[in-house]
N, C-alpha and C. Protein backbone atom coordinates (compact mmCIF):
# COMPACT_ATOMS: atom_id res chain seq x y z
N MET A 1 -14.21 -6.47 8.25
CA MET A 1 -12.71 -6.84 9.13
C MET A 1 -12.88 -7.59 10.18
N PRO A 2 -12.19 -8.00 10.85
CA PRO A 2 -12.02 -9.31 11.25
C PRO A 2 -13.09 -8.86 12.05
N LEU A 3 -12.75 -10.85 13.34
CA LEU A 3 -14.28 -10.24 14.08
C LEU A 3 -13.57 -10.82 15.28
N PRO A 4 -14.20 -10.24 16.74
CA PRO A 4 -13.37 -9.28 17.51
C PRO A 4 -12.68 -10.64 17.78
N ARG A 5 -13.01 -12.20 18.44
CA ARG A 5 -11.98 -12.84 18.86
C ARG A 5 -10.41 -12.74 18.20
N PHE A 6 -10.44 -12.83 16.55
CA PHE A 6 -9.33 -12.74 16.20
C PHE A 6 -8.42 -11.07 16.27
N HIS A 7 -9.06 -10.32 17.15
CA HIS A 7 -8.12 -9.91 17.54
C HIS A 7 -7.65 -10.07 19.46
N ARG A 8 -8.96 -10.84 19.44
CA ARG A 8 -7.68 -11.58 21.39
C ARG A 8 -6.41 -12.83 21.38
N LEU A 9 -6.69 -12.54 19.44
CA LEU A 9 -5.48 -13.20 19.50
C LEU A 9 -3.86 -12.93 20.22
N ALA A 10 -2.95 -13.41 20.08
CA ALA A 10 -1.87 -12.70 20.60
C ALA A 10 -1.84 -12.18 18.66
N PRO A 11 -0.68 -11.08 18.96
CA PRO A 11 -0.15 -10.68 17.50
C PRO A 11 0.73 -11.83 17.05
N ASP A 12 1.02 -12.05 17.52
CA ASP A 12 2.27 -12.78 16.49
C ASP A 12 0.58 -14.39 15.69
N GLU A 13 0.22 -14.29 16.86
CA GLU A 13 -0.74 -15.55 16.02
C GLU A 13 -1.81 -15.08 14.41
N GLN A 14 -2.39 -13.41 15.12
CA GLN A 14 -2.68 -12.90 14.15
C GLN A 14 -1.93 -13.27 12.80
N ALA A 15 -0.90 -12.10 12.94
CA ALA A 15 0.35 -12.41 11.71
C ALA A 15 0.89 -13.35 11.29
N ARG A 16 0.76 -14.59 11.80
CA ARG A 16 0.71 -15.80 11.10
C ARG A 16 -0.02 -16.12 10.10
N ILE A 17 -1.85 -16.16 10.60
CA ILE A 17 -2.56 -16.62 10.06
C ILE A 17 -2.53 -15.81 9.07
N LEU A 18 -2.01 -14.45 8.60
CA LEU A 18 -2.34 -13.21 7.87
C LEU A 18 -1.38 -13.30 6.74
N ALA A 19 -0.25 -14.38 7.45
CA ALA A 19 0.91 -14.25 6.30
C ALA A 19 0.58 -15.60 5.42
N VAL A 20 -0.28 -16.48 6.08
CA VAL A 20 -0.92 -17.94 5.46
C VAL A 20 -1.10 -17.47 4.14
N ALA A 21 -2.69 -16.62 4.99
CA ALA A 21 -3.55 -15.81 3.69
C ALA A 21 -2.75 -15.39 2.57
N THR A 22 -2.06 -14.78 2.68
CA THR A 22 -1.65 -13.51 1.92
C THR A 22 -1.15 -14.31 1.05
N ARG A 23 -0.26 -15.02 1.23
CA ARG A 23 0.37 -16.33 0.90
C ARG A 23 -0.20 -17.19 -0.09
N HIS A 24 -1.77 -17.37 -0.08
CA HIS A 24 -2.54 -18.15 -0.62
C HIS A 24 -2.89 -16.86 -1.79
N LEU A 25 -3.93 -15.46 -1.15
CA LEU A 25 -4.02 -14.83 -2.24
C LEU A 25 -2.39 -14.18 -3.28
N SER A 26 -1.21 -14.29 -2.98
CA SER A 26 -0.29 -14.56 -3.91
C SER A 26 -0.18 -15.48 -4.83
N ALA A 27 -0.27 -16.78 -4.10
CA ALA A 27 -0.19 -17.72 -5.65
C ALA A 27 -1.55 -18.22 -6.29
N ARG A 28 -2.55 -17.85 -5.52
CA ARG A 28 -4.06 -18.49 -6.17
C ARG A 28 -4.56 -17.01 -6.96
N GLY A 29 -4.23 -15.70 -6.53
CA GLY A 29 -5.37 -14.66 -6.65
C GLY A 29 -6.43 -15.04 -6.15
N LEU A 30 -7.17 -14.04 -5.90
CA LEU A 30 -8.47 -13.82 -5.33
C LEU A 30 -9.71 -14.76 -6.05
N ALA A 31 -9.73 -15.18 -6.82
CA ALA A 31 -10.35 -16.19 -7.27
C ALA A 31 -10.73 -17.77 -6.77
N GLY A 32 -9.28 -17.99 -7.40
CA GLY A 32 -8.64 -19.07 -6.30
C GLY A 32 -8.24 -19.67 -5.16
N MET A 33 -7.94 -18.69 -4.05
CA MET A 33 -7.75 -19.10 -2.77
C MET A 33 -8.80 -19.26 -2.25
N SER A 34 -8.82 -20.33 -1.56
CA SER A 34 -9.85 -21.28 -0.67
C SER A 34 -9.78 -20.78 0.98
N VAL A 35 -10.65 -20.21 1.57
CA VAL A 35 -10.30 -20.24 3.04
C VAL A 35 -10.23 -21.95 3.51
N ASN A 36 -10.69 -22.61 3.24
CA ASN A 36 -10.29 -23.91 3.94
C ASN A 36 -8.88 -24.60 3.59
N GLU A 37 -8.53 -23.81 2.57
CA GLU A 37 -6.87 -24.65 2.41
C GLU A 37 -6.24 -23.52 2.99
N ILE A 38 -6.79 -22.53 3.71
CA ILE A 38 -5.87 -21.69 3.96
C ILE A 38 -5.84 -21.79 6.09
N ALA A 39 -7.22 -22.22 6.23
CA ALA A 39 -7.16 -22.75 7.69
C ALA A 39 -6.32 -24.01 7.64
N ASP A 40 -6.81 -24.98 6.90
CA ASP A 40 -5.30 -26.34 6.79
C ASP A 40 -4.07 -25.47 7.27
N ASP A 41 -3.86 -24.95 6.42
CA ASP A 41 -1.92 -24.70 5.82
C ASP A 41 -1.35 -23.41 6.94
N ALA A 42 -2.88 -23.10 7.96
CA ALA A 42 -2.72 -22.07 9.39
C ALA A 42 -2.43 -23.27 10.03
N ALA A 43 -3.07 -24.43 9.65
CA ALA A 43 -3.48 -25.54 11.22
C ALA A 43 -4.35 -24.97 12.32
N LEU A 44 -5.70 -24.56 11.93
CA LEU A 44 -6.73 -24.10 12.05
C LEU A 44 -8.14 -25.38 11.27
N SER A 45 -8.75 -25.42 12.96
CA SER A 45 -9.63 -25.88 11.45
C SER A 45 -10.66 -25.02 10.96
N ARG A 46 -11.70 -25.75 10.23
CA ARG A 46 -12.00 -24.93 9.42
C ARG A 46 -13.20 -23.62 10.56
N SER A 47 -13.60 -24.30 11.37
CA SER A 47 -14.27 -23.35 12.22
C SER A 47 -14.12 -22.10 12.27
N ALA A 48 -12.66 -22.69 12.88
CA ALA A 48 -11.95 -21.67 13.70
C ALA A 48 -11.44 -20.51 12.91
N ILE A 49 -11.67 -21.12 11.64
CA ILE A 49 -11.32 -19.58 10.50
C ILE A 49 -12.61 -18.80 10.55
N TYR A 50 -13.56 -19.42 10.61
CA TYR A 50 -15.14 -18.41 10.61
C TYR A 50 -15.50 -17.99 12.11
N ASN A 51 -14.57 -18.52 12.67
CA ASN A 51 -15.05 -17.91 13.64
C ASN A 51 -14.33 -15.93 14.26
N TYR A 52 -12.95 -16.65 13.11
CA TYR A 52 -11.95 -15.41 13.23
C TYR A 52 -12.53 -14.49 12.41
N PHE A 53 -13.28 -14.65 10.64
CA PHE A 53 -13.09 -13.86 9.32
C PHE A 53 -14.71 -14.07 10.23
N ASP A 54 -15.35 -13.44 8.97
CA ASP A 54 -17.02 -13.29 8.00
C ASP A 54 -16.89 -13.97 6.91
N GLY A 55 -15.84 -15.02 6.75
CA GLY A 55 -16.35 -15.11 5.44
C GLY A 55 -14.83 -14.88 4.47
N LYS A 56 -14.73 -15.47 3.38
CA LYS A 56 -13.60 -15.01 2.58
C LYS A 56 -13.12 -13.01 1.98
N SER A 57 -14.30 -12.20 2.03
CA SER A 57 -13.94 -11.41 1.66
C SER A 57 -13.37 -11.03 2.83
N ASP A 58 -13.61 -11.07 4.12
CA ASP A 58 -13.75 -10.33 5.79
C ASP A 58 -12.13 -10.74 5.77
N LEU A 59 -11.75 -11.74 4.79
CA LEU A 59 -10.34 -12.96 5.87
C LEU A 59 -9.29 -11.62 4.40
N VAL A 60 -9.72 -11.23 2.95
CA VAL A 60 -9.07 -11.00 2.11
C VAL A 60 -8.72 -8.63 2.63
N ASP A 61 -9.74 -8.62 3.07
CA ASP A 61 -10.10 -7.40 3.38
C ASP A 61 -9.07 -7.54 4.71
N ALA A 62 -8.62 -8.00 6.02
CA ALA A 62 -7.83 -7.91 6.61
C ALA A 62 -6.60 -8.14 5.94
N VAL A 63 -6.16 -9.09 5.42
CA VAL A 63 -4.89 -8.93 3.98
C VAL A 63 -4.60 -7.67 3.54
N ARG A 64 -5.89 -7.18 2.93
CA ARG A 64 -5.34 -5.93 2.37
C ARG A 64 -4.42 -4.85 3.40
N ALA A 65 -5.63 -4.89 4.35
CA ALA A 65 -5.08 -3.85 5.43
C ALA A 65 -3.70 -3.81 5.82
N ALA A 66 -3.46 -5.40 6.35
CA ALA A 66 -2.20 -6.18 6.81
C ALA A 66 -0.79 -5.40 5.48
N ALA A 67 -1.63 -5.53 4.51
CA ALA A 67 -0.71 -5.18 3.21
C ALA A 67 0.02 -3.69 3.68
N VAL A 68 -1.18 -2.32 2.95
CA VAL A 68 -1.22 -1.80 3.33
C VAL A 68 -0.33 -0.89 4.44
N MET A 69 -0.24 -2.02 5.91
CA MET A 69 0.28 -1.21 7.18
C MET A 69 1.87 -1.52 6.79
N LYS A 70 1.92 -2.43 6.23
CA LYS A 70 3.61 -2.95 5.77
C LYS A 70 3.98 -2.40 5.28
N VAL A 71 3.37 -2.04 4.01
CA VAL A 71 3.63 -0.53 3.11
C VAL A 71 3.71 0.93 3.96
N ALA A 72 3.14 1.35 4.46
CA ALA A 72 3.24 2.44 5.28
C ALA A 72 4.47 2.62 5.98
N ALA A 73 4.35 1.48 6.88
CA ALA A 73 5.24 1.11 7.56
C ALA A 73 6.70 1.35 7.14
N ALA A 74 6.75 0.63 5.89
CA ALA A 74 8.50 1.01 5.44
C ALA A 74 8.26 2.66 4.74
N LEU A 75 7.50 2.94 4.11
CA LEU A 75 7.45 4.45 3.56
C LEU A 75 7.43 5.62 4.71
N GLY A 76 7.10 5.01 5.80
CA GLY A 76 7.06 6.17 6.80
C GLY A 76 6.44 7.32 6.80
N ASP A 77 5.93 8.32 7.52
CA ASP A 77 5.34 9.40 7.60
C ASP A 77 6.44 10.33 6.63
N TRP A 78 5.60 10.96 5.89
CA TRP A 78 6.14 12.40 5.12
C TRP A 78 6.82 13.53 5.88
N THR A 79 8.30 13.54 6.19
CA THR A 79 8.45 14.44 6.57
C THR A 79 8.75 16.32 6.05
N THR A 80 8.33 17.34 5.99
CA THR A 80 8.44 18.24 5.86
C THR A 80 10.00 18.92 5.48
N GLN A 81 10.33 18.67 3.79
CA GLN A 81 11.26 19.49 3.97
C GLN A 81 11.60 21.03 3.28
N PRO A 82 12.82 21.25 3.49
CA PRO A 82 12.68 22.54 3.73
C PRO A 82 13.52 23.38 1.77
N ASP A 83 14.08 22.39 1.01
CA ASP A 83 13.69 23.51 -0.23
C ASP A 83 13.30 21.66 -1.53
N PRO A 84 13.38 22.61 -2.48
CA PRO A 84 12.68 21.38 -3.42
C PRO A 84 14.08 20.22 -3.29
N GLU A 85 15.07 20.24 -3.77
CA GLU A 85 15.93 19.66 -3.55
C GLU A 85 15.60 18.42 -2.40
N ALA A 86 15.81 18.87 -1.21
CA ALA A 86 15.89 18.26 -0.05
C ALA A 86 14.66 17.56 -0.59
N PHE A 87 13.26 18.83 -0.49
CA PHE A 87 12.11 17.56 -0.54
C PHE A 87 12.07 16.67 -2.28
N TRP A 88 12.54 16.48 -3.12
CA TRP A 88 13.42 14.84 -4.27
C TRP A 88 14.11 14.25 -3.74
N ALA A 89 14.80 14.49 -3.25
CA ALA A 89 16.14 13.46 -2.57
C ALA A 89 15.11 12.87 -1.64
N GLU A 90 14.14 12.91 -0.44
CA GLU A 90 13.10 12.55 -0.07
C GLU A 90 12.18 11.69 -0.78
N PHE A 91 11.06 12.67 -1.07
CA PHE A 91 10.61 11.55 -1.97
C PHE A 91 11.56 10.74 -2.33
N HIS A 92 12.33 10.45 -3.61
CA HIS A 92 13.19 9.48 -4.25
C HIS A 92 13.59 8.27 -2.88
N ALA A 93 13.71 8.77 -1.92
CA ALA A 93 14.40 8.04 -0.87
C ALA A 93 12.91 6.89 -0.12
N GLY A 94 11.73 7.51 -0.08
CA GLY A 94 10.64 7.12 0.19
C GLY A 94 10.55 5.94 -1.12
N ALA A 95 10.58 6.16 -1.92
CA ALA A 95 10.45 5.07 -3.30
C ALA A 95 11.44 3.97 -2.70
N ARG A 96 11.88 3.98 -2.72
CA ARG A 96 13.35 3.35 -2.98
C ARG A 96 13.28 2.40 -1.35
N ARG A 97 12.72 2.47 -0.32
CA ARG A 97 11.81 2.15 1.18
C ARG A 97 11.05 1.26 0.35
N LEU A 98 10.10 2.44 -0.48
CA LEU A 98 9.29 1.52 -0.93
C LEU A 98 9.28 -0.02 -1.54
N SER A 99 10.45 -0.09 -2.94
CA SER A 99 10.54 -1.45 -3.49
C SER A 99 11.29 -2.18 -2.53
N ALA A 100 12.18 -1.68 -1.29
CA ALA A 100 12.84 -2.54 -1.05
C ALA A 100 11.69 -3.53 -0.14
N CYS A 101 10.54 -3.29 0.17
CA CYS A 101 9.34 -3.80 1.64
C CYS A 101 9.04 -4.47 0.69
N LEU A 102 8.96 -3.91 -0.92
CA LEU A 102 8.58 -4.87 -1.47
C LEU A 102 9.20 -5.62 -2.21
N ALA A 103 10.55 -5.53 -2.46
CA ALA A 103 11.41 -6.70 -3.30
C ALA A 103 11.62 -7.97 -1.39
N GLY A 104 11.42 -7.44 -0.70
CA GLY A 104 11.94 -8.35 0.71
C GLY A 104 10.63 -9.23 1.17
N ALA A 105 8.86 -8.67 0.00
CA ALA A 105 7.96 -9.28 1.25
C ALA A 105 6.87 -9.69 -0.59
N PRO A 106 7.62 -10.42 -1.90
CA PRO A 106 6.74 -9.71 -2.73
C PRO A 106 4.85 -10.75 -3.22
N GLU A 107 5.14 -11.10 -1.70
CA GLU A 107 3.57 -12.05 -1.63
C GLU A 107 2.46 -10.55 -1.56
N LEU A 108 2.84 -9.20 -0.40
CA LEU A 108 2.39 -8.52 -0.77
C LEU A 108 1.67 -7.62 -2.25
N ARG A 109 1.98 -7.86 -3.38
CA ARG A 109 1.99 -7.52 -4.00
C ARG A 109 0.02 -8.01 -4.95
N GLN A 110 0.18 -9.07 -4.89
CA GLN A 110 -1.23 -9.27 -5.27
C GLN A 110 -2.27 -9.03 -3.78
N ALA A 111 -1.89 -8.75 -2.41
CA ALA A 111 -3.31 -8.10 -2.41
C ALA A 111 -2.89 -6.59 -2.63
N LEU A 112 -1.85 -5.80 -2.36
CA LEU A 112 -2.06 -4.48 -3.43
C LEU A 112 -2.01 -4.03 -4.35
N THR A 113 -2.73 -4.76 -5.35
CA THR A 113 -3.33 -4.52 -6.40
C THR A 113 -4.35 -4.58 -6.28
N THR A 114 -5.24 -5.22 -5.29
CA THR A 114 -6.81 -5.10 -5.16
C THR A 114 -7.19 -4.44 -3.89
N VAL A 115 -6.69 -3.27 -3.83
CA VAL A 115 -6.56 -2.11 -3.09
C VAL A 115 -7.44 -1.09 -3.14
N THR A 116 -8.47 -1.11 -3.34
CA THR A 116 -8.90 0.54 -3.51
C THR A 116 -9.05 1.19 -2.85
N GLY A 117 -9.01 2.45 -3.73
CA GLY A 117 -9.36 4.03 -3.44
C GLY A 117 -7.50 3.99 -3.10
N SER A 118 -7.20 5.46 -2.34
CA SER A 118 -6.06 5.36 -1.55
C SER A 118 -5.89 5.57 -0.22
N ALA A 119 -5.03 4.38 -0.08
CA ALA A 119 -4.51 3.63 1.25
C ALA A 119 -3.85 4.72 2.09
N LEU A 120 -2.93 5.37 1.73
CA LEU A 120 -1.93 6.31 2.02
C LEU A 120 -2.31 7.74 1.68
N ASP A 121 -3.55 8.36 1.43
CA ASP A 121 -4.42 9.39 1.73
C ASP A 121 -3.67 10.74 2.89
N ASP A 122 -3.07 10.81 3.45
CA ASP A 122 -1.88 11.03 5.08
C ASP A 122 -1.22 12.07 4.40
N TRP A 123 0.00 10.64 3.53
CA TRP A 123 1.05 10.64 3.39
C TRP A 123 0.87 11.40 2.38
N VAL A 124 0.44 11.25 0.59
CA VAL A 124 -0.21 11.82 -0.11
C VAL A 124 -0.19 13.25 -0.07
N ASP A 125 -1.38 13.76 1.39
CA ASP A 125 -1.47 15.00 1.63
C ASP A 125 -0.16 16.11 2.09
N ALA A 126 0.55 15.01 2.86
CA ALA A 126 1.29 15.68 3.23
C ALA A 126 2.69 16.18 2.19
N PHE A 127 3.15 14.97 1.81
CA PHE A 127 3.80 14.94 0.55
C PHE A 127 3.26 16.48 -0.05
N PHE A 128 2.03 16.60 -1.14
CA PHE A 128 1.67 17.30 -1.34
C PHE A 128 1.75 19.19 -0.82
N ALA A 129 1.41 18.97 0.60
CA ALA A 129 1.37 20.50 1.29
C ALA A 129 2.94 20.91 1.44
N ASN A 130 3.99 20.10 1.66
CA ASN A 130 5.30 19.89 1.69
C ASN A 130 5.65 21.25 -0.22
N ALA A 131 5.01 20.46 -1.28
CA ALA A 131 4.95 21.05 -2.75
C ALA A 131 4.49 22.13 -2.79
N VAL A 132 3.51 22.37 -2.05
CA VAL A 132 2.89 23.76 -2.17
C VAL A 132 3.38 24.76 -1.24
N ALA A 133 4.09 24.43 -0.24
CA ALA A 133 4.76 25.21 0.97
C ALA A 133 6.13 25.44 0.00
N LEU A 134 6.64 25.13 -0.96
CA LEU A 134 8.26 25.03 -1.08
C LEU A 134 7.61 25.98 -2.59
N GLY A 135 6.91 25.88 -3.18
CA GLY A 135 6.36 26.44 -4.38
C GLY A 135 6.06 25.69 -5.37
N LEU A 136 6.43 25.03 -5.81
CA LEU A 136 7.08 23.10 -6.27
C LEU A 136 5.10 23.87 -7.70
N VAL A 137 4.29 23.93 -6.80
CA VAL A 137 3.05 23.91 -7.53
C VAL A 137 2.18 25.46 -7.47
N SER A 138 1.85 25.39 -8.62
CA SER A 138 1.63 26.54 -9.00
C SER A 138 0.03 27.15 -8.56
N ALA A 139 -0.54 28.62 -8.01
CA ALA A 139 -1.07 28.72 -6.93
C ALA A 139 -2.69 28.73 -7.75
N GLN A 140 -2.62 28.35 -9.16
CA GLN A 140 -4.16 27.83 -9.88
C GLN A 140 -4.23 26.80 -9.45
N ARG A 141 -5.74 26.58 -9.78
CA ARG A 141 -6.10 25.07 -9.80
C ARG A 141 -5.17 23.89 -8.77
N ARG A 142 -5.29 24.26 -7.41
CA ARG A 142 -4.31 23.54 -6.55
C ARG A 142 -5.17 21.92 -6.22
N ARG A 143 -6.75 22.39 -6.01
CA ARG A 143 -7.50 21.01 -5.47
C ARG A 143 -7.33 20.06 -6.71
N LEU A 144 -7.14 20.56 -8.09
CA LEU A 144 -7.39 19.63 -9.40
C LEU A 144 -5.87 19.14 -8.94
N ALA A 145 -4.36 20.00 -9.21
CA ALA A 145 -3.43 19.75 -8.95
C ALA A 145 -2.99 18.21 -7.94
N ARG A 146 -4.23 18.58 -6.21
CA ARG A 146 -4.07 17.37 -5.09
C ARG A 146 -4.72 16.12 -6.14
N ALA A 147 -5.59 16.57 -6.45
CA ALA A 147 -6.48 15.19 -7.30
C ALA A 147 -5.26 14.35 -7.93
N ALA A 148 -4.80 15.41 -8.63
CA ALA A 148 -3.76 14.65 -10.19
C ALA A 148 -3.02 14.05 -9.36
N THR A 149 -2.28 14.52 -8.15
CA THR A 149 -0.68 14.37 -7.56
C THR A 149 -1.41 12.82 -6.70
N GLY A 150 -2.83 12.24 -6.74
CA GLY A 150 -2.83 11.41 -6.10
C GLY A 150 -2.83 10.45 -7.14
N ALA A 151 -3.58 10.40 -7.68
CA ALA A 151 -4.32 9.85 -8.35
C ALA A 151 -2.81 9.02 -9.85
N ILE A 152 -2.30 10.14 -10.49
CA ILE A 152 0.03 9.71 -10.39
C ILE A 152 0.42 8.75 -9.86
N LEU A 153 0.11 9.11 -8.33
CA LEU A 153 1.09 8.26 -7.70
C LEU A 153 0.35 6.97 -7.59
N ALA A 154 -1.36 6.72 -7.57
CA ALA A 154 -2.11 5.44 -7.41
C ALA A 154 -1.47 4.68 -9.28
N ALA A 155 -1.37 5.10 -10.21
CA ALA A 155 -1.25 4.38 -11.54
C ALA A 155 0.00 4.71 -11.48
N ALA A 156 0.95 4.96 -10.69
CA ALA A 156 2.72 4.14 -10.17
C ALA A 156 2.68 3.45 -9.61
N ASP A 157 2.16 3.17 -8.84
CA ASP A 157 1.49 2.22 -8.08
C ASP A 157 1.38 1.08 -8.63
N ALA A 158 0.57 1.27 -9.06
CA ALA A 158 -0.39 0.32 -9.87
C ALA A 158 0.46 -0.36 -10.79
N VAL A 159 1.42 0.14 -12.29
CA VAL A 159 1.72 -0.28 -13.01
C VAL A 159 3.08 -1.12 -12.20
N GLU A 160 3.64 0.20 -11.17
CA GLU A 160 5.05 -0.93 -10.73
C GLU A 160 4.88 -2.05 -10.00
N LEU A 161 3.44 -2.68 -9.23
CA LEU A 161 2.50 -3.56 -8.86
C LEU A 161 2.84 -4.97 -9.78
N ALA A 162 2.65 -4.44 -10.98
CA ALA A 162 1.80 -5.42 -12.23
C ALA A 162 3.25 -5.28 -12.73
N GLU A 163 4.23 -4.97 -13.09
CA GLU A 163 5.31 -4.32 -13.37
C GLU A 163 6.77 -4.23 -12.66
N PRO A 164 7.05 -5.20 -11.79
CA PRO A 164 8.19 -4.87 -11.32
C PRO A 164 9.40 -4.10 -11.47
N GLY A 165 9.82 -2.69 -11.00
CA GLY A 165 10.78 -2.63 -11.76
C GLY A 165 10.76 -1.36 -13.42
N SER A 166 9.77 -0.93 -13.68
CA SER A 166 9.00 -0.46 -14.78
C SER A 166 9.13 0.78 -14.59
N VAL A 167 9.01 1.80 -13.37
CA VAL A 167 8.26 3.36 -13.09
C VAL A 167 9.76 3.46 -12.55
N SER A 168 10.55 4.46 -13.19
CA SER A 168 11.29 4.97 -12.48
C SER A 168 10.82 6.48 -11.83
N THR A 169 11.49 6.80 -10.24
CA THR A 169 11.13 7.39 -10.01
C THR A 169 11.75 9.25 -9.93
N ALA A 170 12.50 9.16 -11.24
CA ALA A 170 12.77 9.89 -11.95
C ALA A 170 11.94 10.78 -12.99
N ASP A 171 11.36 9.85 -13.52
CA ASP A 171 9.96 9.50 -14.71
C ASP A 171 9.32 9.94 -14.07
N LEU A 172 8.73 9.60 -12.85
CA LEU A 172 7.80 10.19 -11.61
C LEU A 172 7.69 11.02 -11.42
N GLU A 173 9.05 11.80 -11.13
CA GLU A 173 9.18 13.56 -10.62
C GLU A 173 9.04 13.81 -12.22
N ALA A 174 9.08 13.77 -13.11
CA ALA A 174 9.19 14.46 -13.87
C ALA A 174 7.34 14.86 -14.81
N VAL A 175 7.02 13.72 -13.88
CA VAL A 175 5.47 14.01 -14.34
C VAL A 175 4.74 14.80 -13.60
N LEU A 176 4.80 14.68 -11.89
CA LEU A 176 4.88 15.60 -10.45
C LEU A 176 5.49 17.29 -11.01
N ARG A 177 6.33 17.22 -11.80
CA ARG A 177 6.83 18.57 -12.06
C ARG A 177 6.15 18.98 -12.94
N ALA A 178 5.37 18.02 -14.06
CA ALA A 178 4.97 19.07 -15.37
C ALA A 178 3.57 19.31 -14.90
N VAL A 179 2.77 18.59 -13.98
CA VAL A 179 1.43 18.32 -13.98
C VAL A 179 1.35 19.76 -12.46
N TRP A 180 1.83 19.89 -11.59
CA TRP A 180 2.08 21.62 -11.09
C TRP A 180 2.18 22.45 -12.13
N ARG A 181 3.19 22.43 -12.68
CA ARG A 181 2.81 23.62 -13.32
C ARG A 181 2.07 24.00 -14.31
N ALA A 182 1.60 23.13 -14.76
CA ALA A 182 0.23 23.85 -15.85
C ALA A 182 -0.85 24.27 -15.22
């Protein structure tokens, strides 16, 4: 992650540098992005960028973390729903917020496609716990169903990031319902 000097910068300056790096990652991909070009476009000296980040991988990690934070903010915390109808309505509303976030900031897509692991485990845990509490998940194989839920959501995210608009929340709901009833 960024070096301590980066965290001493004003938040708007941090955001500006990460926005430039995000645009470069989006336009050129991981292999094509250049720390020197990012420094130039951010109006920083090359040495300054290395005072803030311990190389390209560190800068990319910071870009990924910032992208995940933006998506998490758009998605919001999962709010426990009182019944299945409200549960699925909230699921669809969250998907719409996520889509709107990515439509408004498409440059985040490239950074998000390179995120490994589940960056939103807390949200998935709360979502799944609510499904269990509502009886949507079979009592048998709950641990497997939780793992499958995370994998299904991650797979849907990966497909959607690669091909925007290709995953309908209705289809995703149908897959989750089928897995949860198994």
